[in-house]
Amino acid sequence: LEMLTVISRTAIDLGVDPELMLSLKIRVENEIEQQTTLEEMQDWLLAVIEEILGAISRIQQDSAVKMVNKAKRYIEENYFRNILLEEVAAYVNISPYYLSHMFKKVTGTSFTNYLTQIRIEKAQNMLISTDIPISEISYHVGYQDPNYFSRIFKKVVGKSPIQFRKGKKHNCARI
């Protein structure tokens, strides 16, 4: 029981709901007497510890998701600037390596690919809804070199910005 108390306190320190740990403690006190053999006690104890570790894991996953969502919001609000992984990591108060790892784990894509995706989506909207020159759009979405922007755009979309704009404007004219 002392070992479970220490583990429960640690779980609470890591962010697990104290009410959850209290209900587990009450349940443990009732169940411990039902274990009749050393083997049953061992299996039961492992199951209780796994339950506590599961609660800790869920809290850590929730915090990772919140951290990645905060990073995504920062990217979406600053995509037009030359932002780096290190800057976003500093914003969410973690190391760049950990942000990169958790970003990929939570979103399924890398930081760089996500930033590129946001920039290209914004560029597509501008190409469809404005007559702003493509070189200027590249600056508006965070690319300093219009030629590099065009290469990335074509790689992601499958068409150059000019082809994309012509195709979308042509389709809009037919509707």
C-alpha atoms as a PDB file:
ATOM      1  CA  LEU A   1       0.000   0.000   0.000  1.00  0.00           C
ATOM      2  CA  GLU A   2       2.866   2.363   0.760  1.00  0.00           C
ATOM      3  CA  MET A   3       4.344   1.773  -2.678  1.00  0.00           C
ATOM      4  CA  LEU A   4       0.993   2.520  -4.342  1.00  0.00           C
ATOM      5  CA  THR A   5       0.668   5.680  -2.240  1.00  0.00           C
ATOM      6  CA  VAL A   6       4.071   6.902  -3.453  1.00  0.00           C
ATOM      7  CA  ILE A   7       3.185   6.071  -7.066  1.00  0.00           C
ATOM      8  CA  SER A   8      -0.190   7.816  -6.699  1.00  0.00           C
ATOM      9  CA  ARG A   9       1.451  10.955  -5.283  1.00  0.00           C
ATOM     10  CA  THR A  10       3.883  10.978  -8.172  1.00  0.00           C
ATOM     11  CA  ALA A  11       0.987  10.617 -10.628  1.00  0.00           C
ATOM     12  CA  ILE A  12      -0.755  13.600  -9.016  1.00  0.00           C
ATOM     13  CA  ASP A  13       2.481  15.616  -9.211  1.00  0.00           C
ATOM     14  CA  LEU A  14       2.588  14.797 -12.940  1.00  0.00           C
ATOM     15  CA  GLY A  15      -0.933  16.152 -13.427  1.00  0.00           C
ATOM     16  CA  VAL A  16      -3.274  13.193 -12.902  1.00  0.00           C
ATOM     17  CA  ASP A  17      -6.608  14.191 -11.350  1.00  0.00           C
ATOM     18  CA  PRO A  18      -6.393  13.772  -7.548  1.00  0.00           C
ATOM     19  CA  GLU A  19     -10.021  12.592  -7.469  1.00  0.00           C
ATOM     20  CA  LEU A  20      -9.106   9.739  -9.813  1.00  0.00           C
ATOM     21  CA  MET A  21      -6.233   8.731  -7.557  1.00  0.00           C
ATOM     22  CA  LEU A  22      -8.463   8.949  -4.456  1.00  0.00           C
ATOM     23  CA  SER A  23     -11.073   6.657  -6.001  1.00  0.00           C
ATOM     24  CA  LEU A  24      -8.293   4.259  -7.012  1.00  0.00           C
ATOM     25  CA  LYS A  25      -6.917   4.301  -3.448  1.00  0.00           C
ATOM     26  CA  ILE A  26     -10.335   3.425  -2.036  1.00  0.00           C
ATOM     27  CA  ARG A  27     -10.748   0.629  -4.567  1.00  0.00           C
ATOM     28  CA  VAL A  28      -7.237  -0.684  -3.826  1.00  0.00           C
ATOM     29  CA  GLU A  29      -7.937  -0.790  -0.093  1.00  0.00           C
ATOM     30  CA  ASN A  30     -11.042  -2.908  -0.788  1.00  0.00           C
ATOM     31  CA  GLU A  31      -9.416  -5.198  -3.339  1.00  0.00           C
ATOM     32  CA  ILE A  32      -6.120  -5.887  -1.601  1.00  0.00           C
ATOM     33  CA  GLU A  33      -7.734  -8.186   0.940  1.00  0.00           C
ATOM     34  CA  GLN A  34      -9.308 -10.258  -1.818  1.00  0.00           C
ATOM     35  CA  GLN A  35      -5.903 -11.398  -3.068  1.00  0.00           C
ATOM     36  CA  THR A  36      -5.228 -14.806  -1.505  1.00  0.00           C
ATOM     37  CA  THR A  37      -1.978 -15.943  -3.091  1.00  0.00           C
ATOM     38  CA  LEU A  38       1.300 -14.227  -3.780  1.00  0.00           C
ATOM     39  CA  GLU A  39       0.763 -14.742  -7.516  1.00  0.00           C
ATOM     40  CA  GLU A  40      -2.708 -13.126  -7.368  1.00  0.00           C
ATOM     41  CA  MET A  41      -1.248 -10.240  -5.377  1.00  0.00           C
ATOM     42  CA  GLN A  42       1.518  -9.773  -7.944  1.00  0.00           C
ATOM     43  CA  ASP A  43      -0.907  -9.818 -10.915  1.00  0.00           C
ATOM     44  CA  TRP A  44      -3.296  -7.473  -9.141  1.00  0.00           C
ATOM     45  CA  LEU A  45      -0.487  -5.072  -8.195  1.00  0.00           C
ATOM     46  CA  LEU A  46       0.814  -4.989 -11.773  1.00  0.00           C
ATOM     47  CA  ALA A  47      -2.701  -4.223 -13.042  1.00  0.00           C
ATOM     48  CA  VAL A  48      -3.063  -1.318 -10.574  1.00  0.00           C
ATOM     49  CA  ILE A  49       0.351   0.076 -11.523  1.00  0.00           C
ATOM     50  CA  GLU A  50      -0.523  -0.205 -15.239  1.00  0.00           C
ATOM     51  CA  GLU A  51      -3.733   1.716 -14.541  1.00  0.00           C
ATOM     52  CA  ILE A  52      -1.785   4.517 -12.861  1.00  0.00           C
ATOM     53  CA  LEU A  53       0.798   4.577 -15.650  1.00  0.00           C
ATOM     54  CA  GLY A  54      -2.051   4.746 -18.184  1.00  0.00           C
ATOM     55  CA  ALA A  55      -3.465   7.802 -16.406  1.00  0.00           C
ATOM     56  CA  ILE A  56      -0.020   9.438 -16.460  1.00  0.00           C
ATOM     57  CA  SER A  57       0.384   8.600 -20.153  1.00  0.00           C
ATOM     58  CA  ARG A  58      -3.001  10.159 -21.013  1.00  0.00           C
ATOM     59  CA  ILE A  59      -2.024  13.360 -19.193  1.00  0.00           C
ATOM     60  CA  GLN A  60       1.277  13.511 -21.062  1.00  0.00           C
ATOM     61  CA  GLN A  61      -0.477  12.929 -24.401  1.00  0.00           C
ATOM     62  CA  ASP A  62      -2.991  15.664 -23.592  1.00  0.00           C
ATOM     63  CA  SER A  63      -0.199  18.089 -22.758  1.00  0.00           C
ATOM     64  CA  ALA A  64       1.676  17.136 -25.936  1.00  0.00           C
ATOM     65  CA  VAL A  65      -1.446  17.777 -28.022  1.00  0.00           C
ATOM     66  CA  LYS A  66      -1.968  21.147 -26.310  1.00  0.00           C
ATOM     67  CA  MET A  67       1.672  22.064 -26.890  1.00  0.00           C
ATOM     68  CA  VAL A  68       1.515  21.092 -30.577  1.00  0.00           C
ATOM     69  CA  ASN A  69      -1.781  22.977 -31.014  1.00  0.00           C
ATOM     70  CA  LYS A  70      -0.151  26.057 -29.485  1.00  0.00           C
ATOM     71  CA  ALA A  71       2.741  25.660 -31.937  1.00  0.00           C
ATOM     72  CA  LYS A  72       0.310  25.244 -34.858  1.00  0.00           C
ATOM     73  CA  ARG A  73      -1.539  28.437 -33.864  1.00  0.00           C
ATOM     74  CA  TYR A  74       1.784  30.285 -33.720  1.00  0.00           C
ATOM     75  CA  ILE A  75       2.679  29.023 -37.199  1.00  0.00           C
ATOM     76  CA  GLU A  76      -0.742  30.002 -38.570  1.00  0.00           C
ATOM     77  CA  GLU A  77      -0.388  33.499 -37.098  1.00  0.00           C
ATOM     78  CA  ASN A  78       3.208  33.996 -38.294  1.00  0.00           C
ATOM     79  CA  TYR A  79       3.533  31.971 -41.534  1.00  0.00           C
ATOM     80  CA  PHE A  80       4.309  35.144 -43.500  1.00  0.00           C
ATOM     81  CA  ARG A  81       7.536  35.669 -41.528  1.00  0.00           C
ATOM     82  CA  ASN A  82      10.747  33.690 -41.747  1.00  0.00           C
ATOM     83  CA  ILE A  83       9.949  31.532 -38.720  1.00  0.00           C
ATOM     84  CA  LEU A  84      12.184  28.691 -37.601  1.00  0.00           C
ATOM     85  CA  LEU A  85      11.597  25.608 -35.510  1.00  0.00           C
ATOM     86  CA  GLU A  86      13.786  27.105 -32.765  1.00  0.00           C
ATOM     87  CA  GLU A  87      11.557  30.189 -32.535  1.00  0.00           C
ATOM     88  CA  VAL A  88       8.375  28.138 -32.244  1.00  0.00           C
ATOM     89  CA  ALA A  89      10.009  25.808 -29.698  1.00  0.00           C
ATOM     90  CA  ALA A  90      10.997  28.818 -27.586  1.00  0.00           C
ATOM     91  CA  TYR A  91       7.412  30.090 -27.821  1.00  0.00           C
ATOM     92  CA  VAL A  92       6.037  26.825 -26.402  1.00  0.00           C
ATOM     93  CA  ASN A  93       8.949  26.503 -23.923  1.00  0.00           C
ATOM     94  CA  ILE A  94      10.446  23.203 -25.085  1.00  0.00           C
ATOM     95  CA  SER A  95      13.525  22.130 -26.997  1.00  0.00           C
ATOM     96  CA  PRO A  96      13.450  22.223 -30.800  1.00  0.00           C
ATOM     97  CA  TYR A  97      14.208  18.492 -30.904  1.00  0.00           C
ATOM     98  CA  TYR A  98      11.255  17.647 -28.637  1.00  0.00           C
ATOM     99  CA  LEU A  99       8.905  19.954 -30.559  1.00  0.00           C
ATOM    100  CA  SER A 100       9.963  18.385 -33.844  1.00  0.00           C
ATOM    101  CA  HIS A 101       9.430  14.887 -32.460  1.00  0.00           C
ATOM    102  CA  MET A 102       6.053  15.648 -30.849  1.00  0.00           C
ATOM    103  CA  PHE A 103       4.854  17.716 -33.807  1.00  0.00           C
ATOM    104  CA  LYS A 104       5.404  14.768 -36.147  1.00  0.00           C
ATOM    105  CA  LYS A 105       3.881  12.327 -33.653  1.00  0.00           C
ATOM    106  CA  VAL A 106       0.722  14.407 -33.072  1.00  0.00           C
ATOM    107  CA  THR A 107       0.119  15.795 -36.589  1.00  0.00           C
ATOM    108  CA  GLY A 108       1.654  13.087 -38.763  1.00  0.00           C
ATOM    109  CA  THR A 109       3.710  15.690 -40.612  1.00  0.00           C
ATOM    110  CA  SER A 110       6.910  17.579 -39.938  1.00  0.00           C
ATOM    111  CA  PHE A 111       7.146  21.177 -38.779  1.00  0.00           C
ATOM    112  CA  THR A 112       8.564  22.226 -42.152  1.00  0.00           C
ATOM    113  CA  ASN A 113       5.874  20.419 -44.141  1.00  0.00           C
ATOM    114  CA  TYR A 114       3.143  21.952 -41.978  1.00  0.00           C
ATOM    115  CA  LEU A 115       4.563  25.460 -42.444  1.00  0.00           C
ATOM    116  CA  THR A 116       4.809  24.857 -46.198  1.00  0.00           C
ATOM    117  CA  GLN A 117       1.233  23.543 -46.300  1.00  0.00           C
ATOM    118  CA  ILE A 118      -0.091  26.658 -44.525  1.00  0.00           C
ATOM    119  CA  ARG A 119       1.875  28.969 -46.816  1.00  0.00           C
ATOM    120  CA  ILE A 120       0.719  27.214 -49.984  1.00  0.00           C
ATOM    121  CA  GLU A 121      -2.934  27.234 -48.844  1.00  0.00           C
ATOM    122  CA  LYS A 122      -2.715  30.991 -48.197  1.00  0.00           C
ATOM    123  CA  ALA A 123      -1.059  31.490 -51.588  1.00  0.00           C
ATOM    124  CA  GLN A 124      -3.793  29.475 -53.328  1.00  0.00           C
ATOM    125  CA  ASN A 125      -6.457  31.678 -51.727  1.00  0.00           C
ATOM    126  CA  MET A 126      -4.641  34.816 -52.830  1.00  0.00           C
ATOM    127  CA  LEU A 127      -4.127  33.491 -56.364  1.00  0.00           C
ATOM    128  CA  ILE A 128      -7.847  32.795 -56.701  1.00  0.00           C
ATOM    129  CA  SER A 129      -9.243  35.859 -54.969  1.00  0.00           C
ATOM    130  CA  THR A 130      -6.824  38.635 -56.005  1.00  0.00           C
ATOM    131  CA  ASP A 131      -4.844  39.911 -58.958  1.00  0.00           C
ATOM    132  CA  ILE A 132      -1.741  40.507 -56.839  1.00  0.00           C
ATOM    133  CA  PRO A 133       1.389  39.591 -58.814  1.00  0.00           C
ATOM    134  CA  ILE A 134       2.796  36.163 -57.958  1.00  0.00           C
ATOM    135  CA  SER A 135       6.114  37.670 -56.870  1.00  0.00           C
ATOM    136  CA  GLU A 136       4.248  39.780 -54.310  1.00  0.00           C
ATOM    137  CA  ILE A 137       2.158  36.811 -53.136  1.00  0.00           C
ATOM    138  CA  SER A 138       5.380  34.924 -52.468  1.00  0.00           C
ATOM    139  CA  TYR A 139       6.435  37.667 -50.033  1.00  0.00           C
ATOM    140  CA  HIS A 140       2.991  37.748 -48.404  1.00  0.00           C
ATOM    141  CA  VAL A 141       3.213  34.033 -47.586  1.00  0.00           C
ATOM    142  CA  GLY A 142       6.759  34.073 -46.248  1.00  0.00           C
ATOM    143  CA  TYR A 143       8.958  33.336 -49.257  1.00  0.00           C
ATOM    144  CA  GLN A 144      11.674  35.879 -50.024  1.00  0.00           C
ATOM    145  CA  ASP A 145      12.548  34.335 -53.385  1.00  0.00           C
ATOM    146  CA  PRO A 146       9.639  34.196 -55.886  1.00  0.00           C
ATOM    147  CA  ASN A 147      11.426  31.505 -57.933  1.00  0.00           C
ATOM    148  CA  TYR A 148      11.810  29.286 -54.883  1.00  0.00           C
ATOM    149  CA  PHE A 149       8.154  29.919 -54.021  1.00  0.00           C
ATOM    150  CA  SER A 150       7.121  28.839 -57.536  1.00  0.00           C
ATOM    151  CA  ARG A 151       9.178  25.639 -57.278  1.00  0.00           C
ATOM    152  CA  ILE A 152       7.695  24.747 -53.885  1.00  0.00           C
ATOM    153  CA  PHE A 153       4.180  25.637 -55.062  1.00  0.00           C
ATOM    154  CA  LYS A 154       4.517  23.400 -58.123  1.00  0.00           C
ATOM    155  CA  LYS A 155       5.963  20.578 -56.031  1.00  0.00           C
ATOM    156  CA  VAL A 156       3.020  20.738 -53.585  1.00  0.00           C
ATOM    157  CA  VAL A 157       0.133  21.591 -55.925  1.00  0.00           C
ATOM    158  CA  GLY A 158       1.319  19.972 -59.143  1.00  0.00           C
ATOM    159  CA  LYS A 159       0.947  23.216 -61.108  1.00  0.00           C
ATOM    160  CA  SER A 160       2.888  26.436 -61.207  1.00  0.00           C
ATOM    161  CA  PRO A 161       1.245  29.440 -59.521  1.00  0.00           C
ATOM    162  CA  ILE A 162       0.503  30.884 -62.988  1.00  0.00           C
ATOM    163  CA  GLN A 163      -1.149  27.650 -64.169  1.00  0.00           C
ATOM    164  CA  PHE A 164      -3.087  27.380 -60.900  1.00  0.00           C
ATOM    165  CA  ARG A 165      -4.372  30.964 -61.160  1.00  0.00           C
ATOM    166  CA  LYS A 166      -5.353  30.587 -64.815  1.00  0.00           C
ATOM    167  CA  GLY A 167      -7.097  27.277 -64.188  1.00  0.00           C
ATOM    168  CA  LYS A 168      -9.081  28.551 -61.214  1.00  0.00           C
ATOM    169  CA  LYS A 169     -10.043  31.847 -62.853  1.00  0.00           C
ATOM    170  CA  HIS A 170     -11.070  29.934 -65.998  1.00  0.00           C
ATOM    171  CA  ASN A 171     -13.228  27.604 -63.905  1.00  0.00           C
ATOM    172  CA  CYS A 172     -14.790  30.536 -62.060  1.00  0.00           C
ATOM    173  CA  ALA A 173     -15.615  32.260 -65.359  1.00  0.00           C
ATOM    174  CA  ARG A 174     -17.515  29.170 -66.568  1.00  0.00           C
ATOM    175  CA  ILE A 175     -19.673  29.013 -63.436  1.00  0.00           C
END
